[in-house]
PDB file of N, CA and C in Angstrom:
ATOM      1  N   MET A   1      76.705   7.456-166.609  1.00  0.00           N
ATOM      2  CA  MET A   1      75.494   6.873-166.082  1.00  0.00           C
ATOM      3  C   MET A   1      74.682   6.196-167.176  1.00  0.00           C
ATOM      4  N   GLY A   2      74.569   6.747-168.388  1.00  0.00           N
ATOM      5  CA  GLY A   2      73.721   6.221-169.436  1.00  0.00           C
ATOM      6  C   GLY A   2      74.059   4.813-169.882  1.00  0.00           C
ATOM      7  N   LEU A   3      75.299   4.574-170.309  1.00  0.00           N
ATOM      8  CA  LEU A   3      75.676   3.259-170.799  1.00  0.00           C
ATOM      9  C   LEU A   3      75.669   2.226-169.683  1.00  0.00           C
ATOM     10  N   LEU A   4      76.219   2.577-168.530  1.00  0.00           N
ATOM     11  CA  LEU A   4      76.231   1.649-167.398  1.00  0.00           C
ATOM     12  C   LEU A   4      74.813   1.309-166.980  1.00  0.00           C
ATOM     13  N   ASP A   5      73.924   2.298-166.921  1.00  0.00           N
ATOM     14  CA  ASP A   5      72.532   2.047-166.590  1.00  0.00           C
ATOM     15  C   ASP A   5      71.918   1.076-167.580  1.00  0.00           C
ATOM     16  N   GLY A   6      72.236   1.215-168.858  1.00  0.00           N
ATOM     17  CA  GLY A   6      71.704   0.315-169.867  1.00  0.00           C
ATOM     18  C   GLY A   6      72.145  -1.114-169.653  1.00  0.00           C
ATOM     19  N   PHE A   7      73.396  -1.311-169.285  1.00  0.00           N
ATOM     20  CA  PHE A   7      73.904  -2.660-169.062  1.00  0.00           C
ATOM     21  C   PHE A   7      73.241  -3.327-167.871  1.00  0.00           C
ATOM     22  N   ILE A   8      72.902  -2.569-166.856  1.00  0.00           N
ATOM     23  CA  ILE A   8      72.274  -3.182-165.690  1.00  0.00           C
ATOM     24  C   ILE A   8      70.754  -3.131-165.770  1.00  0.00           C
ATOM     25  N   GLY A   9      70.211  -2.716-166.897  1.00  0.00           N
ATOM     26  CA  GLY A   9      68.780  -2.785-167.127  1.00  0.00           C
ATOM     27  C   GLY A   9      68.019  -1.520-166.827  1.00  0.00           C
ATOM     28  N   ASN A  10      68.682  -0.420-166.594  1.00  0.00           N
ATOM     29  CA  ASN A  10      68.008   0.838-166.311  1.00  0.00           C
ATOM     30  C   ASN A  10      67.936   1.694-167.561  1.00  0.00           C
ATOM     31  N   ALA A  11      66.795   2.320-167.756  1.00  0.00           N
ATOM     32  CA  ALA A  11      66.612   3.177-168.913  1.00  0.00           C
ATOM     33  C   ALA A  11      67.074   4.593-168.603  1.00  0.00           C
ATOM     34  N   SER A  12      67.558   5.273-169.630  1.00  0.00           N
ATOM     35  CA  SER A  12      67.905   6.679-169.502  1.00  0.00           C
ATOM     36  C   SER A  12      67.090   7.460-170.532  1.00  0.00           C
ATOM     37  N   ARG A  13      66.841   8.717-170.245  1.00  0.00           N
ATOM     38  CA  ARG A  13      66.003   9.557-171.110  1.00  0.00           C
ATOM     39  C   ARG A  13      66.750   9.914-172.391  1.00  0.00           C
ATOM     40  N   ILE A  14      66.021   9.918-173.510  1.00  0.00           N
ATOM     41  CA  ILE A  14      66.576  10.386-174.770  1.00  0.00           C
ATOM     42  C   ILE A  14      65.670  11.501-175.302  1.00  0.00           C
ATOM     43  N   ASP A  15      66.194  12.307-176.182  1.00  0.00           N
ATOM     44  CA  ASP A  15      65.460  13.428-176.739  1.00  0.00           C
ATOM     45  C   ASP A  15      64.251  12.919-177.532  1.00  0.00           C
ATOM     46  N   PRO A  16      63.049  13.418-177.244  1.00  0.00           N
ATOM     47  CA  PRO A  16      61.859  12.967-177.978  1.00  0.00           C
ATOM     48  C   PRO A  16      61.946  13.208-179.488  1.00  0.00           C
ATOM     49  N   ASN A  17      62.608  14.283-179.902  1.00  0.00           N
ATOM     50  CA  ASN A  17      62.756  14.543-181.341  1.00  0.00           C
ATOM     51  C   ASN A  17      63.655  13.505-181.999  1.00  0.00           C
ATOM     52  N   ALA A  18      64.726  13.101-181.305  1.00  0.00           N
ATOM     53  CA  ALA A  18      65.602  12.060-181.839  1.00  0.00           C
ATOM     54  C   ALA A  18      64.855  10.734-181.921  1.00  0.00           C
ATOM     55  N   ALA A  19      64.040  10.444-180.913  1.00  0.00           N
ATOM     56  CA  ALA A  19      63.245   9.209-180.930  1.00  0.00           C
ATOM     57  C   ALA A  19      62.233   9.240-182.072  1.00  0.00           C
ATOM     58  N   ALA A  20      61.623  10.395-182.305  1.00  0.00           N
ATOM     59  CA  ALA A  20      60.663  10.524-183.411  1.00  0.00           C
ATOM     60  C   ALA A  20      61.353  10.317-184.756  1.00  0.00           C
ATOM     61  N   GLN A  21      62.593  10.786-184.878  1.00  0.00           N
ATOM     62  CA  GLN A  21      63.364  10.568-186.114  1.00  0.00           C
ATOM     63  C   GLN A  21      63.640   9.081-186.308  1.00  0.00           C
ATOM     64  N   GLU A  22      64.124   8.430-185.247  1.00  0.00           N
ATOM     65  CA  GLU A  22      64.519   7.023-185.355  1.00  0.00           C
ATOM     66  C   GLU A  22      63.318   6.092-185.559  1.00  0.00           C
ATOM     67  N   TYR A  23      62.220   6.377-184.888  1.00  0.00           N
ATOM     68  CA  TYR A  23      61.060   5.484-184.933  1.00  0.00           C
ATOM     69  C   TYR A  23      59.878   6.101-185.673  1.00  0.00           C
ATOM     70  N   GLY A  24      60.143   7.060-186.528  1.00  0.00           N
ATOM     71  CA  GLY A  24      59.096   7.782-187.241  1.00  0.00           C
ATOM     72  C   GLY A  24      58.151   6.902-188.034  1.00  0.00           C
ATOM     73  N   ARG A  25      58.650   5.787-188.543  1.00  0.00           N
ATOM     74  CA  ARG A  25      57.790   4.903-189.337  1.00  0.00           C
ATOM     75  C   ARG A  25      56.710   4.242-188.488  1.00  0.00           C
ATOM     76  N   LEU A  26      56.890   4.223-187.170  1.00  0.00           N
ATOM     77  CA  LEU A  26      55.895   3.627-186.279  1.00  0.00           C
ATOM     78  C   LEU A  26      54.767   4.589-185.930  1.00  0.00           C
ATOM     79  N   LEU A  27      55.006   5.861-186.133  1.00  0.00           N
ATOM     80  CA  LEU A  27      54.067   6.881-185.689  1.00  0.00           C
ATOM     81  C   LEU A  27      52.954   7.113-186.702  1.00  0.00           C
ATOM     82  N   GLY A  28      51.755   7.299-186.179  1.00  0.00           N
ATOM     83  CA  GLY A  28      50.619   7.625-187.026  1.00  0.00           C
ATOM     84  C   GLY A  28      50.675   9.090-187.446  1.00  0.00           C
ATOM     85  N   HIS A  29      49.812   9.439-188.377  1.00  0.00           N
ATOM     86  CA  HIS A  29      49.758  10.820-188.874  1.00  0.00           C
ATOM     87  C   HIS A  29      49.472  11.782-187.719  1.00  0.00           C
ATOM     88  N   GLY A  30      50.368  12.721-187.496  1.00  0.00           N
ATOM     89  CA  GLY A  30      50.199  13.712-186.444  1.00  0.00           C
ATOM     90  C   GLY A  30      50.577  13.243-185.049  1.00  0.00           C
ATOM     91  N   GLU A  31      50.930  11.988-184.901  1.00  0.00           N
ATOM     92  CA  GLU A  31      51.308  11.455-183.582  1.00  0.00           C
ATOM     93  C   GLU A  31      52.666  12.007-183.178  1.00  0.00           C
ATOM     94  N   GLN A  32      52.798  12.411-181.918  1.00  0.00           N
ATOM     95  CA  GLN A  32      54.035  13.017-181.448  1.00  0.00           C
ATOM     96  C   GLN A  32      54.588  12.282-180.235  1.00  0.00           C
ATOM     97  N   VAL A  33      55.911  12.139-180.201  1.00  0.00           N
ATOM     98  CA  VAL A  33      56.589  11.530-179.060  1.00  0.00           C
ATOM     99  C   VAL A  33      56.687  12.580-177.961  1.00  0.00           C
ATOM    100  N   GLN A  34      56.166  12.256-176.783  1.00  0.00           N
ATOM    101  CA  GLN A  34      56.197  13.167-175.642  1.00  0.00           C
ATOM    102  C   GLN A  34      57.435  12.955-174.785  1.00  0.00           C
ATOM    103  N   ALA A  35      57.855  11.681-174.655  1.00  0.00           N
ATOM    104  CA  ALA A  35      59.050  11.329-173.884  1.00  0.00           C
ATOM    105  C   ALA A  35      59.544   9.984-174.391  1.00  0.00           C
ATOM    106  N   ALA A  36      60.849   9.753-174.282  1.00  0.00           N
ATOM    107  CA  ALA A  36      61.436   8.496-174.755  1.00  0.00           C
ATOM    108  C   ALA A  36      62.572   8.082-173.831  1.00  0.00           C
ATOM    109  N   TYR A  37      62.734   6.767-173.685  1.00  0.00           N
ATOM    110  CA  TYR A  37      63.759   6.213-172.809  1.00  0.00           C
ATOM    111  C   TYR A  37      64.449   5.071-173.535  1.00  0.00           C
ATOM    112  N   GLN A  38      65.746   4.941-173.325  1.00  0.00           N
ATOM    113  CA  GLN A  38      66.570   3.984-174.053  1.00  0.00           C
ATOM    114  C   GLN A  38      67.305   3.060-173.090  1.00  0.00           C
ATOM    115  N   LEU A  39      67.232   1.766-173.360  1.00  0.00           N
ATOM    116  CA  LEU A  39      68.127   0.797-172.750  1.00  0.00           C
ATOM    117  C   LEU A  39      69.269   0.623-173.737  1.00  0.00           C
ATOM    118  N   VAL A  40      70.112  -0.360-173.560  1.00  0.00           N
ATOM    119  CA  VAL A  40      71.213  -0.543-174.503  1.00  0.00           C
ATOM    120  C   VAL A  40      70.677  -0.662-175.924  1.00  0.00           C
ATOM    121  N   ARG A  41      69.733  -1.573-176.147  1.00  0.00           N
ATOM    122  CA  ARG A  41      69.169  -1.737-177.487  1.00  0.00           C
ATOM    123  C   ARG A  41      67.676  -1.465-177.513  1.00  0.00           C
ATOM    124  N   ASP A  42      67.000  -1.678-176.427  1.00  0.00           N
ATOM    125  CA  ASP A  42      65.555  -1.504-176.370  1.00  0.00           C
ATOM    126  C   ASP A  42      65.196  -0.058-176.057  1.00  0.00           C
ATOM    127  N   ALA A  43      63.951   0.283-176.328  1.00  0.00           N
ATOM    128  CA  ALA A  43      63.486   1.646-176.049  1.00  0.00           C
ATOM    129  C   ALA A  43      62.007   1.589-175.713  1.00  0.00           C
ATOM    130  N   PHE A  44      61.523   2.622-175.071  1.00  0.00           N
ATOM    131  CA  PHE A  44      60.090   2.795-174.952  1.00  0.00           C
ATOM    132  C   PHE A  44      59.760   4.265-175.100  1.00  0.00           C
ATOM    133  N   LEU A  45      58.657   4.488-175.833  1.00  0.00           N
ATOM    134  CA  LEU A  45      58.250   5.825-176.223  1.00  0.00           C
ATOM    135  C   LEU A  45      56.857   6.110-175.691  1.00  0.00           C
ATOM    136  N   PHE A  46      56.688   7.259-175.090  1.00  0.00           N
ATOM    137  CA  PHE A  46      55.377   7.740-174.696  1.00  0.00           C
ATOM    138  C   PHE A  46      54.951   8.746-175.751  1.00  0.00           C
ATOM    139  N   THR A  47      53.910   8.403-176.512  1.00  0.00           N
ATOM    140  CA  THR A  47      53.403   9.347-177.505  1.00  0.00           C
ATOM    141  C   THR A  47      52.124   9.974-176.957  1.00  0.00           C
ATOM    142  N   ASP A  48      51.537  10.858-177.728  1.00  0.00           N
ATOM    143  CA  ASP A  48      50.287  11.459-177.305  1.00  0.00           C
ATOM    144  C   ASP A  48      49.108  10.506-177.502  1.00  0.00           C
ATOM    145  N   ARG A  49      49.363   9.294-178.053  1.00  0.00           N
ATOM    146  CA  ARG A  49      48.299   8.327-178.299  1.00  0.00           C
ATOM    147  C   ARG A  49      48.497   6.982-177.622  1.00  0.00           C
ATOM    148  N   ARG A  50      49.767   6.590-177.368  1.00  0.00           N
ATOM    149  CA  ARG A  50      50.034   5.235-176.873  1.00  0.00           C
ATOM    150  C   ARG A  50      51.440   5.134-176.316  1.00  0.00           C
ATOM    151  N   LEU A  51      51.707   3.997-175.716  1.00  0.00           N
ATOM    152  CA  LEU A  51      53.044   3.652-175.251  1.00  0.00           C
ATOM    153  C   LEU A  51      53.587   2.626-176.241  1.00  0.00           C
ATOM    154  N   ILE A  52      54.784   2.848-176.760  1.00  0.00           N
ATOM    155  CA  ILE A  52      55.405   1.926-177.709  1.00  0.00           C
ATOM    156  C   ILE A  52      56.644   1.331-177.052  1.00  0.00           C
ATOM    157  N   LEU A  53      56.685  -0.008-176.966  1.00  0.00           N
ATOM    158  CA  LEU A  53      57.833  -0.724-176.422  1.00  0.00           C
ATOM    159  C   LEU A  53      58.602  -1.335-177.590  1.00  0.00           C
ATOM    160  N   VAL A  54      59.878  -1.043-177.685  1.00  0.00           N
ATOM    161  CA  VAL A  54      60.725  -1.531-178.769  1.00  0.00           C
ATOM    162  C   VAL A  54      61.671  -2.558-178.173  1.00  0.00           C
ATOM    163  N   ASP A  55      61.570  -3.811-178.636  1.00  0.00           N
ATOM    164  CA  ASP A  55      62.371  -4.913-178.104  1.00  0.00           C
ATOM    165  C   ASP A  55      63.219  -5.493-179.228  1.00  0.00           C
ATOM    166  N   LYS A  56      64.506  -5.146-179.235  1.00  0.00           N
ATOM    167  CA  LYS A  56      65.422  -5.703-180.234  1.00  0.00           C
ATOM    168  C   LYS A  56      65.884  -7.058-179.733  1.00  0.00           C
ATOM    169  N   GLN A  57      65.699  -8.082-180.577  1.00  0.00           N
ATOM    170  CA  GLN A  57      65.923  -9.459-180.153  1.00  0.00           C
ATOM    171  C   GLN A  57      67.157 -10.059-180.808  1.00  0.00           C
ATOM    172  N   GLY A  58      67.691 -11.078-180.170  1.00  0.00           N
ATOM    173  CA  GLY A  58      68.835 -11.798-180.716  1.00  0.00           C
ATOM    174  C   GLY A  58      70.140 -11.044-180.539  1.00  0.00           C
ATOM    175  N   MET A  59      71.212 -11.679-180.977  1.00  0.00           N
ATOM    176  CA  MET A  59      72.553 -11.103-180.834  1.00  0.00           C
ATOM    177  C   MET A  59      72.752  -9.869-181.710  1.00  0.00           C
ATOM    178  N   THR A  60      72.169  -9.882-182.902  1.00  0.00           N
ATOM    179  CA  THR A  60      72.390  -8.770-183.828  1.00  0.00           C
ATOM    180  C   THR A  60      71.370  -7.651-183.666  1.00  0.00           C
ATOM    181  N   GLY A  61      70.230  -7.960-183.070  1.00  0.00           N
ATOM    182  CA  GLY A  61      69.190  -6.952-182.923  1.00  0.00           C
ATOM    183  C   GLY A  61      68.457  -6.666-184.216  1.00  0.00           C
ATOM    184  N   ARG A  62      68.614  -7.536-185.224  1.00  0.00           N
ATOM    185  CA  ARG A  62      67.930  -7.310-186.500  1.00  0.00           C
ATOM    186  C   ARG A  62      66.440  -7.588-186.390  1.00  0.00           C
ATOM    187  N   LYS A  63      66.094  -8.553-185.564  1.00  0.00           N
ATOM    188  CA  LYS A  63      64.682  -8.856-185.350  1.00  0.00           C
ATOM    189  C   LYS A  63      64.185  -7.939-184.230  1.00  0.00           C
ATOM    190  N   VAL A  64      63.113  -7.199-184.517  1.00  0.00           N
ATOM    191  CA  VAL A  64      62.612  -6.219-183.563  1.00  0.00           C
ATOM    192  C   VAL A  64      61.112  -6.421-183.366  1.00  0.00           C
ATOM    193  N   GLU A  65      60.699  -6.433-182.099  1.00  0.00           N
ATOM    194  CA  GLU A  65      59.276  -6.473-181.779  1.00  0.00           C
ATOM    195  C   GLU A  65      58.853  -5.079-181.331  1.00  0.00           C
ATOM    196  N   TYR A  66      57.783  -4.576-181.936  1.00  0.00           N
ATOM    197  CA  TYR A  66      57.212  -3.287-181.574  1.00  0.00           C
ATOM    198  C   TYR A  66      55.877  -3.567-180.899  1.00  0.00           C
ATOM    199  N   HIS A  67      55.799  -3.282-179.631  1.00  0.00           N
ATOM    200  CA  HIS A  67      54.603  -3.576-178.840  1.00  0.00           C
ATOM    201  C   HIS A  67      53.886  -2.264-178.538  1.00  0.00           C
ATOM    202  N   THR A  68      52.662  -2.145-178.996  1.00  0.00           N
ATOM    203  CA  THR A  68      51.865  -0.947-178.757  1.00  0.00           C
ATOM    204  C   THR A  68      50.908  -1.190-177.600  1.00  0.00           C
ATOM    205  N   VAL A  69      50.907  -0.261-176.661  1.00  0.00           N
ATOM    206  CA  VAL A  69      49.989  -0.318-175.525  1.00  0.00           C
ATOM    207  C   VAL A  69      49.118   0.941-175.574  1.00  0.00           C
ATOM    208  N   PRO A  70      47.864   0.796-175.997  1.00  0.00           N
ATOM    209  CA  PRO A  70      46.976   1.969-175.962  1.00  0.00           C
ATOM    210  C   PRO A  70      46.770   2.392-174.504  1.00  0.00           C
ATOM    211  N   TYR A  71      46.785   3.672-174.259  1.00  0.00           N
ATOM    212  CA  TYR A  71      46.629   4.156-172.888  1.00  0.00           C
ATOM    213  C   TYR A  71      45.327   3.671-172.257  1.00  0.00           C
ATOM    214  N   LYS A  72      44.279   3.488-173.066  1.00  0.00           N
ATOM    215  CA  LYS A  72      42.984   3.061-172.522  1.00  0.00           C
ATOM    216  C   LYS A  72      43.027   1.635-171.966  1.00  0.00           C
ATOM    217  N   SER A  73      44.033   0.833-172.358  1.00  0.00           N
ATOM    218  CA  SER A  73      44.119  -0.533-171.842  1.00  0.00           C
ATOM    219  C   SER A  73      44.913  -0.617-170.532  1.00  0.00           C
ATOM    220  N   ILE A  74      45.482   0.506-170.091  1.00  0.00           N
ATOM    221  CA  ILE A  74      46.207   0.531-168.820  1.00  0.00           C
ATOM    222  C   ILE A  74      45.191   0.688-167.702  1.00  0.00           C
ATOM    223  N   THR A  75      45.139  -0.324-166.813  1.00  0.00           N
ATOM    224  CA  THR A  75      44.174  -0.279-165.716  1.00  0.00           C
ATOM    225  C   THR A  75      44.722   0.495-164.522  1.00  0.00           C
ATOM    226  N   HIS A  76      45.994   0.318-164.238  1.00  0.00           N
ATOM    227  CA  HIS A  76      46.651   1.098-163.191  1.00  0.00           C
ATOM    228  C   HIS A  76      48.155   0.976-163.348  1.00  0.00           C
ATOM    229  N   PHE A  77      48.884   1.822-162.628  1.00  0.00           N
ATOM    230  CA  PHE A  77      50.333   1.821-162.700  1.00  0.00           C
ATOM    231  C   PHE A  77      50.904   2.298-161.381  1.00  0.00           C
ATOM    232  N   SER A  78      52.185   1.981-161.175  1.00  0.00           N
ATOM    233  CA  SER A  78      52.868   2.467-159.979  1.00  0.00           C
ATOM    234  C   SER A  78      54.256   2.946-160.365  1.00  0.00           C
ATOM    235  N   VAL A  79      54.728   3.932-159.630  1.00  0.00           N
ATOM    236  CA  VAL A  79      56.068   4.471-159.811  1.00  0.00           C
ATOM    237  C   VAL A  79      56.762   4.398-158.465  1.00  0.00           C
ATOM    238  N   GLU A  80      57.945   3.805-158.457  1.00  0.00           N
ATOM    239  CA  GLU A  80      58.742   3.714-157.235  1.00  0.00           C
ATOM    240  C   GLU A  80      60.002   4.540-157.441  1.00  0.00           C
ATOM    241  N   THR A  81      60.237   5.478-156.563  1.00  0.00           N
ATOM    242  CA  THR A  81      61.402   6.349-156.700  1.00  0.00           C
ATOM    243  C   THR A  81      62.666   5.637-156.238  1.00  0.00           C
ATOM    244  N   ALA A  82      63.802   6.162-156.656  1.00  0.00           N
ATOM    245  CA  ALA A  82      65.087   5.620-156.228  1.00  0.00           C
ATOM    246  C   ALA A  82      65.305   5.962-154.756  1.00  0.00           C
ATOM    247  N   GLY A  83      66.065   5.110-154.084  1.00  0.00           N
ATOM    248  CA  GLY A  83      66.371   5.342-152.683  1.00  0.00           C
ATOM    249  C   GLY A  83      67.865   5.513-152.476  1.00  0.00           C
ATOM    250  N   THR A  84      68.272   5.484-151.236  1.00  0.00           N
ATOM    251  CA  THR A  84      69.681   5.650-150.900  1.00  0.00           C
ATOM    252  C   THR A  84      70.515   4.477-151.391  1.00  0.00           C
ATOM    253  N   PHE A  85      70.038   3.257-151.144  1.00  0.00           N
ATOM    254  CA  PHE A  85      70.796   2.072-151.537  1.00  0.00           C
ATOM    255  C   PHE A  85      70.271   1.446-152.820  1.00  0.00           C
ATOM    256  N   ASP A  86      68.993   1.640-153.099  1.00  0.00           N
ATOM    257  CA  ASP A  86      68.383   1.158-154.336  1.00  0.00           C
ATOM    258  C   ASP A  86      68.370   2.338-155.298  1.00  0.00           C
ATOM    259  N   LEU A  87      69.346   2.397-156.197  1.00  0.00           N
ATOM    260  CA  LEU A  87      69.574   3.590-157.006  1.00  0.00           C
ATOM    261  C   LEU A  87      68.689   3.723-158.238  1.00  0.00           C
ATOM    262  N   ASP A  88      67.862   2.721-158.517  1.00  0.00           N
ATOM    263  CA  ASP A  88      67.025   2.818-159.699  1.00  0.00           C
ATOM    264  C   ASP A  88      65.565   3.015-159.302  1.00  0.00           C
ATOM    265  N   ALA A  89      64.843   3.715-160.159  1.00  0.00           N
ATOM    266  CA  ALA A  89      63.411   3.902-159.996  1.00  0.00           C
ATOM    267  C   ALA A  89      62.716   2.859-160.868  1.00  0.00           C
ATOM    268  N   GLU A  90      61.465   2.573-160.552  1.00  0.00           N
ATOM    269  CA  GLU A  90      60.772   1.508-161.264  1.00  0.00           C
ATOM    270  C   GLU A  90      59.357   1.946-161.634  1.00  0.00           C
ATOM    271  N   LEU A  91      58.945   1.535-162.813  1.00  0.00           N
ATOM    272  CA  LEU A  91      57.602   1.779-163.302  1.00  0.00           C
ATOM    273  C   LEU A  91      56.942   0.426-163.543  1.00  0.00           C
ATOM    274  N   LYS A  92      55.728   0.249-163.032  1.00  0.00           N
ATOM    275  CA  LYS A  92      54.944  -0.958-163.291  1.00  0.00           C
ATOM    276  C   LYS A  92      53.625  -0.525-163.909  1.00  0.00           C
ATOM    277  N   ILE A  93      53.263  -1.206-165.004  1.00  0.00           N
ATOM    278  CA  ILE A  93      52.023  -0.885-165.712  1.00  0.00           C
ATOM    279  C   ILE A  93      51.210  -2.168-165.855  1.00  0.00           C
ATOM    280  N   TRP A  94      49.970  -2.142-165.362  1.00  0.00           N
ATOM    281  CA  TRP A  94      49.072  -3.276-165.495  1.00  0.00           C
ATOM    282  C   TRP A  94      48.098  -3.011-166.629  1.00  0.00           C
ATOM    283  N   LEU A  95      47.912  -4.026-167.471  1.00  0.00           N
ATOM    284  CA  LEU A  95      46.998  -3.923-168.606  1.00  0.00           C
ATOM    285  C   LEU A  95      45.744  -4.740-168.333  1.00  0.00           C
ATOM    286  N   SER A  96      44.626  -4.311-168.875  1.00  0.00           N
ATOM    287  CA  SER A  96      43.383  -5.061-168.679  1.00  0.00           C
ATOM    288  C   SER A  96      43.559  -6.467-169.245  1.00  0.00           C
ATOM    289  N   GLY A  97      43.100  -7.453-168.479  1.00  0.00           N
ATOM    290  CA  GLY A  97      43.199  -8.847-168.901  1.00  0.00           C
ATOM    291  C   GLY A  97      44.524  -9.513-168.600  1.00  0.00           C
ATOM    292  N   SER A  98      45.455  -8.819-167.950  1.00  0.00           N
ATOM    293  CA  SER A  98      46.762  -9.407-167.637  1.00  0.00           C
ATOM    294  C   SER A  98      47.100  -9.155-166.167  1.00  0.00           C
ATOM    295  N   PRO A  99      47.328 -10.220-165.404  1.00  0.00           N
ATOM    296  CA  PRO A  99      47.651 -10.033-163.980  1.00  0.00           C
ATOM    297  C   PRO A  99      49.101  -9.603-163.737  1.00  0.00           C
ATOM    298  N   THR A 100      49.953  -9.791-164.733  1.00  0.00           N
ATOM    299  CA  THR A 100      51.374  -9.485-164.587  1.00  0.00           C
ATOM    300  C   THR A 100      51.674  -8.115-165.203  1.00  0.00           C
ATOM    301  N   PRO A 101      52.310  -7.234-164.448  1.00  0.00           N
ATOM    302  CA  PRO A 101      52.586  -5.898-164.989  1.00  0.00           C
ATOM    303  C   PRO A 101      53.788  -5.881-165.926  1.00  0.00           C
ATOM    304  N   ILE A 102      53.834  -4.863-166.760  1.00  0.00           N
ATOM    305  CA  ILE A 102      55.040  -4.535-167.522  1.00  0.00           C
ATOM    306  C   ILE A 102      55.919  -3.753-166.552  1.00  0.00           C
ATOM    307  N   VAL A 103      57.181  -4.140-166.420  1.00  0.00           N
ATOM    308  CA  VAL A 103      58.081  -3.489-165.466  1.00  0.00           C
ATOM    309  C   VAL A 103      59.258  -2.886-166.218  1.00  0.00           C
ATOM    310  N   LYS A 104      59.518  -1.607-165.954  1.00  0.00           N
ATOM    311  CA  LYS A 104      60.665  -0.912-166.534  1.00  0.00           C
ATOM    312  C   LYS A 104      61.417  -0.206-165.422  1.00  0.00           C
ATOM    313  N   GLN A 105      62.741  -0.245-165.502  1.00  0.00           N
ATOM    314  CA  GLN A 105      63.573   0.415-164.497  1.00  0.00           C
ATOM    315  C   GLN A 105      64.279   1.607-165.111  1.00  0.00           C
ATOM    316  N   PHE A 106      64.408   2.657-164.316  1.00  0.00           N
ATOM    317  CA  PHE A 106      65.030   3.900-164.748  1.00  0.00           C
ATOM    318  C   PHE A 106      66.269   4.168-163.918  1.00  0.00           C
ATOM    319  N   GLY A 107      67.270   4.762-164.540  1.00  0.00           N
ATOM    320  CA  GLY A 107      68.450   5.210-163.813  1.00  0.00           C
ATOM    321  C   GLY A 107      68.084   6.382-162.922  1.00  0.00           C
ATOM    322  N   LYS A 108      68.944   6.698-161.976  1.00  0.00           N
ATOM    323  CA  LYS A 108      68.606   7.743-161.008  1.00  0.00           C
ATOM    324  C   LYS A 108      68.523   9.135-161.634  1.00  0.00           C
ATOM    325  N   GLY A 109      69.033   9.325-162.834  1.00  0.00           N
ATOM    326  CA  GLY A 109      68.958  10.618-163.492  1.00  0.00           C
ATOM    327  C   GLY A 109      67.622  10.896-164.172  1.00  0.00           C
ATOM    328  N   VAL A 110      66.745   9.891-164.248  1.00  0.00           N
ATOM    329  CA  VAL A 110      65.460  10.050-164.910  1.00  0.00           C
ATOM    330  C   VAL A 110      64.433  10.568-163.907  1.00  0.00           C
ATOM    331  N   ASP A 111      63.665  11.556-164.322  1.00  0.00           N
ATOM    332  CA  ASP A 111      62.623  12.126-163.483  1.00  0.00           C
ATOM    333  C   ASP A 111      61.383  11.236-163.564  1.00  0.00           C
ATOM    334  N   VAL A 112      61.228  10.326-162.596  1.00  0.00           N
ATOM    335  CA  VAL A 112      60.088   9.415-162.624  1.00  0.00           C
ATOM    336  C   VAL A 112      58.775  10.144-162.380  1.00  0.00           C
ATOM    337  N   TYR A 113      58.847  11.331-161.799  1.00  0.00           N
ATOM    338  CA  TYR A 113      57.632  12.127-161.624  1.00  0.00           C
ATOM    339  C   TYR A 113      57.102  12.598-162.974  1.00  0.00           C
ATOM    340  N   GLU A 114      58.016  12.846-163.919  1.00  0.00           N
ATOM    341  CA  GLU A 114      57.605  13.194-165.278  1.00  0.00           C
ATOM    342  C   GLU A 114      56.881  12.010-165.924  1.00  0.00           C
ATOM    343  N   VAL A 115      57.422  10.806-165.744  1.00  0.00           N
ATOM    344  CA  VAL A 115      56.800   9.597-166.287  1.00  0.00           C
ATOM    345  C   VAL A 115      55.415   9.409-165.674  1.00  0.00           C
ATOM    346  N   GLN A 116      55.319   9.573-164.371  1.00  0.00           N
ATOM    347  CA  GLN A 116      54.048   9.425-163.670  1.00  0.00           C
ATOM    348  C   GLN A 116      53.037  10.472-164.165  1.00  0.00           C
ATOM    349  N   ALA A 117      53.488  11.696-164.362  1.00  0.00           N
ATOM    350  CA  ALA A 117      52.603  12.755-164.848  1.00  0.00           C
ATOM    351  C   ALA A 117      52.108  12.464-166.266  1.00  0.00           C
ATOM    352  N   LEU A 118      52.991  11.962-167.128  1.00  0.00           N
ATOM    353  CA  LEU A 118      52.581  11.598-168.491  1.00  0.00           C
ATOM    354  C   LEU A 118      51.499  10.524-168.460  1.00  0.00           C
ATOM    355  N   LEU A 119      51.746   9.473-167.691  1.00  0.00           N
ATOM    356  CA  LEU A 119      50.759   8.394-167.610  1.00  0.00           C
ATOM    357  C   LEU A 119      49.452   8.892-166.999  1.00  0.00           C
ATOM    358  N   SER A 120      49.530   9.676-165.958  1.00  0.00           N
ATOM    359  CA  SER A 120      48.315  10.209-165.335  1.00  0.00           C
ATOM    360  C   SER A 120      47.492  11.001-166.342  1.00  0.00           C
ATOM    361  N   HIS A 121      48.179  11.807-167.130  1.00  0.00           N
ATOM    362  CA  HIS A 121      47.497  12.627-168.123  1.00  0.00           C
ATOM    363  C   HIS A 121      46.768  11.769-169.163  1.00  0.00           C
ATOM    364  N   TYR A 122      47.458  10.767-169.690  1.00  0.00           N
ATOM    365  CA  TYR A 122      46.878   9.986-170.785  1.00  0.00           C
ATOM    366  C   TYR A 122      45.954   8.871-170.328  1.00  0.00           C
ATOM    367  N   VAL A 123      46.211   8.265-169.186  1.00  0.00           N
ATOM    368  CA  VAL A 123      45.365   7.171-168.713  1.00  0.00           C
ATOM    369  C   VAL A 123      44.024   7.716-168.210  1.00  0.00           C
ATOM    370  N   ALA A 124      44.014   8.900-167.652  1.00  0.00           N
ATOM    371  CA  ALA A 124      42.796   9.475-167.069  1.00  0.00           C
ATOM    372  C   ALA A 124      41.849  10.063-168.104  1.00  0.00           C
ATOM    373  N   ARG A 125      42.196  10.024-169.364  1.00  0.00           N
ATOM    374  CA  ARG A 125      41.328  10.599-170.413  1.00  0.00           C
ATOM    375  C   ARG A 125      40.017   9.893-170.518  1.00  0.00           C
TER     376      ARG A 125
END
């Protein structure tokens, strides 16, 4: 499920400790990864302070964009669960000042309720 999900654009969950090891240079002092999800090359991390989107660009993936989304800039979000025929779940996040949401898709093995709970916890602060 993991590799195939990545090829079709669905993220799968990765260990937060492994994500903290790989992306440790991005983290502030004391910042901790709460949950992490991996596409084939891209990733997104939910920390206790922000959402980090990792976008590896080009054929080699040497050029990388790290996009930080402070939780306070999230105006609202939606989570759509997987269905019988639509096997992927979807997360949409709207940021203040932007009418177009950030959209991420999850494979059916990912607990989207966990993602929703994380966002609810941090956005409602």
